[in-house]
Amino acid sequence: MPTLPPLLPSETLERVVGQARLNGTWVMVIGSTFGLIGAAGGEVVGCLTWLLVAGTGAMALHGGSLLHDGETRGLNWLVGGQLFCMAFLLALCGWQLTHIDLAPLQAALTPDIRESLGQTGLSEREFLLLSYRVTYALIALVAVCYPGMMALYFHRRRAAIAAALDGE
């Protein structure tokens, strides 16, 4: 199978700017949505953290705009925004795992779930703790993988973007 030639620097720049817009928009939408859900539920820490995450989406949009305007410092905004996003989400997971509140989850248990728990041998508290910990462990995993890979994606294209912007 023949290999494809590498992208031209201008094509790389165009793709990075497009990815920055897509990523920034989605991070803002998701962060704002979870921030509103946290506010509605009275979760101050969760609400503020998700709004900070939404702010990292704005950083990505700003970085993409700077690159589009020919400024290489836009890459710093892109990489930094991803690293801040990761840090905020990991801080939220750490907070939640050290300040466990199972009351809202207990209220959500249905009689069917309680009956099933009786058959497994797990107590309600054990089940809820396990579910809680697994949920935040998965969020932490996603928080490391997605923004981490995006930061790496943006960082690895520095040379091509510099070449594209120098050629303009």
Protein backbone atom coordinates (compact mmCIF):
# COMPACT_ATOMS: atom_id res chain seq x y z
CA MET A 1 0.00 0.00 0.00
CA PRO A 2 1.52 3.34 -1.01
CA THR A 3 2.15 5.88 1.73
CA LEU A 4 0.66 9.33 1.49
CA PRO A 5 2.98 12.31 1.29
CA PRO A 6 3.09 14.55 4.38
CA LEU A 7 0.71 17.46 4.51
CA LEU A 8 1.87 20.84 3.38
CA PRO A 9 2.42 23.26 6.29
CA SER A 10 -0.54 25.37 5.13
CA GLU A 11 -2.78 22.29 5.19
CA THR A 12 -1.57 21.44 8.68
CA LEU A 13 -2.32 24.98 9.83
CA GLU A 14 -5.81 24.79 8.34
CA ARG A 15 -6.50 21.47 10.08
CA VAL A 16 -5.21 22.69 13.44
CA VAL A 17 -7.36 25.83 13.25
CA GLY A 18 -10.40 23.71 12.38
CA GLN A 19 -9.67 21.26 15.19
CA ALA A 20 -9.23 24.16 17.63
CA ARG A 21 -12.65 25.53 16.67
CA LEU A 22 -14.33 22.14 16.98
CA ASN A 23 -12.62 21.27 20.25
CA GLY A 24 -13.16 24.69 21.78
CA THR A 25 -16.84 24.76 20.88
CA TRP A 26 -17.53 21.30 22.30
CA VAL A 27 -15.57 21.88 25.48
CA MET A 28 -17.50 25.12 26.04
CA VAL A 29 -20.85 23.41 25.41
CA ILE A 30 -20.09 20.42 27.65
CA GLY A 31 -18.49 22.51 30.40
CA SER A 32 -21.36 25.01 30.42
CA THR A 33 -23.98 22.26 30.45
CA PHE A 34 -22.41 20.44 33.39
CA GLY A 35 -21.85 23.79 35.11
CA LEU A 36 -25.56 24.55 34.85
CA ILE A 37 -26.46 21.07 36.09
CA GLY A 38 -24.12 21.56 39.05
CA ALA A 39 -25.65 24.95 39.80
CA ALA A 40 -29.15 23.51 39.66
CA GLY A 41 -28.10 20.77 42.08
CA GLY A 42 -26.40 23.18 44.47
CA GLU A 43 -22.92 21.75 43.77
CA VAL A 44 -20.70 24.82 44.13
CA VAL A 45 -17.37 23.06 43.53
CA GLY A 46 -18.69 21.10 40.55
CA CYS A 47 -20.35 24.15 39.04
CA LEU A 48 -17.25 26.31 39.31
CA THR A 49 -14.97 23.58 38.01
CA TRP A 50 -17.13 22.94 34.96
CA LEU A 51 -17.30 26.65 34.23
CA LEU A 52 -13.49 26.76 34.37
CA VAL A 53 -13.46 23.82 31.95
CA ALA A 54 -15.77 25.81 29.66
CA GLY A 55 -13.22 28.62 29.89
CA THR A 56 -10.55 26.28 28.53
CA GLY A 57 -12.78 25.82 25.49
CA ALA A 58 -12.71 29.60 25.06
CA MET A 59 -8.91 29.39 25.27
CA ALA A 60 -8.93 26.89 22.37
CA LEU A 61 -11.15 29.17 20.29
CA HIS A 62 -8.87 32.13 21.04
CA GLY A 63 -5.78 30.10 20.14
CA GLY A 64 -7.36 29.02 16.86
CA SER A 65 -8.25 32.64 16.06
CA LEU A 66 -4.69 33.77 16.77
CA LEU A 67 -3.31 31.08 14.46
CA HIS A 68 -5.82 32.03 11.78
CA ASP A 69 -4.58 35.62 12.09
CA GLY A 70 -0.98 34.46 11.65
CA GLU A 71 0.26 34.52 15.24
CA THR A 72 2.22 31.49 16.40
CA ARG A 73 1.45 32.24 20.04
CA GLY A 74 -1.96 30.75 19.35
CA LEU A 75 -0.36 27.33 19.80
CA ASN A 76 0.53 28.24 23.38
CA TRP A 77 -3.14 29.01 24.01
CA LEU A 78 -4.17 25.69 22.49
CA VAL A 79 -1.71 23.55 24.42
CA GLY A 80 -2.18 25.52 27.65
CA GLY A 81 -5.96 25.29 27.41
CA GLN A 82 -5.80 21.51 27.11
CA LEU A 83 -3.46 21.22 30.08
CA PHE A 84 -5.67 23.49 32.19
CA CYS A 85 -8.72 21.45 31.18
CA MET A 86 -6.97 18.28 32.32
CA ALA A 87 -5.89 19.88 35.59
CA PHE A 88 -9.37 21.22 36.40
CA LEU A 89 -11.04 17.87 35.70
CA LEU A 90 -8.47 15.95 37.74
CA ALA A 91 -8.92 18.41 40.61
CA LEU A 92 -12.69 17.87 40.44
CA CYS A 93 -12.24 14.09 40.52
CA GLY A 94 -9.87 14.39 43.47
CA TRP A 95 -12.31 16.62 45.32
CA GLN A 96 -15.24 14.30 44.69
CA LEU A 97 -13.27 11.22 45.75
CA THR A 98 -12.24 12.84 49.02
CA HIS A 99 -15.67 14.39 49.76
CA ILE A 100 -18.03 11.50 49.10
CA ASP A 101 -21.76 12.17 49.50
CA LEU A 102 -23.88 9.11 48.79
CA ALA A 103 -27.24 10.63 49.85
CA PRO A 104 -28.29 11.71 46.31
CA LEU A 105 -27.37 8.30 44.96
CA GLN A 106 -29.28 6.46 47.68
CA ALA A 107 -32.38 8.46 46.81
CA ALA A 108 -32.03 7.28 43.19
CA LEU A 109 -32.02 3.56 44.06
CA THR A 110 -35.21 1.90 42.85
CA PRO A 111 -36.82 -1.10 44.54
CA ASP A 112 -35.67 -3.27 41.60
CA ILE A 113 -32.06 -2.24 42.11
CA ARG A 114 -32.34 -2.86 45.85
CA GLU A 115 -33.72 -6.33 45.14
CA SER A 116 -30.89 -7.08 42.70
CA LEU A 117 -28.35 -5.92 45.26
CA GLY A 118 -29.76 -8.39 47.73
CA GLN A 119 -28.98 -11.19 45.28
CA THR A 120 -25.38 -10.04 44.69
CA GLY A 121 -24.42 -9.92 48.33
CA LEU A 122 -23.33 -6.27 48.16
CA SER A 123 -24.75 -3.82 50.63
CA GLU A 124 -26.27 -0.61 49.29
CA ARG A 125 -23.34 1.40 50.66
CA GLU A 126 -20.74 -0.92 49.07
CA PHE A 127 -22.53 -0.76 45.72
CA LEU A 128 -22.86 3.02 45.81
CA LEU A 129 -19.22 3.52 46.86
CA LEU A 130 -18.03 1.21 44.09
CA SER A 131 -20.21 2.97 41.51
CA TYR A 132 -19.09 6.40 42.73
CA ARG A 133 -15.40 5.53 42.65
CA VAL A 134 -15.57 3.84 39.25
CA THR A 135 -17.43 6.82 37.79
CA TYR A 136 -14.85 9.34 38.95
CA ALA A 137 -11.97 7.06 37.99
CA LEU A 138 -13.39 6.92 34.45
CA ILE A 139 -13.83 10.68 34.37
CA ALA A 140 -10.20 11.05 35.48
CA LEU A 141 -9.09 8.63 32.77
CA VAL A 142 -10.95 10.59 30.10
CA ALA A 143 -9.57 13.83 31.60
CA VAL A 144 -6.04 12.56 31.08
CA CYS A 145 -6.57 10.93 27.69
CA TYR A 146 -8.61 13.46 25.71
CA PRO A 147 -7.04 16.80 26.67
CA GLY A 148 -3.65 15.13 26.94
CA MET A 149 -3.84 13.77 23.42
CA MET A 150 -5.17 17.09 22.11
CA ALA A 151 -2.27 18.96 23.76
CA LEU A 152 0.13 16.49 22.15
CA TYR A 153 -1.63 16.88 18.78
CA PHE A 154 -1.26 20.66 18.87
CA HIS A 155 2.31 20.56 20.22
CA ARG A 156 3.56 18.15 17.54
CA ARG A 157 2.44 20.51 14.79
CA ARG A 158 4.49 23.49 15.99
CA ALA A 159 7.15 23.16 13.28
CA ALA A 160 4.65 22.84 10.42
CA ILE A 161 2.60 25.76 11.73
CA ALA A 162 5.71 27.93 12.13
CA ALA A 163 6.69 27.06 8.55
CA ALA A 164 3.20 27.89 7.27
CA LEU A 165 3.11 31.22 9.10
CA ASP A 166 6.66 32.14 8.00
CA GLY A 167 5.72 31.39 4.39
CA GLU A 168 2.75 33.76 4.41
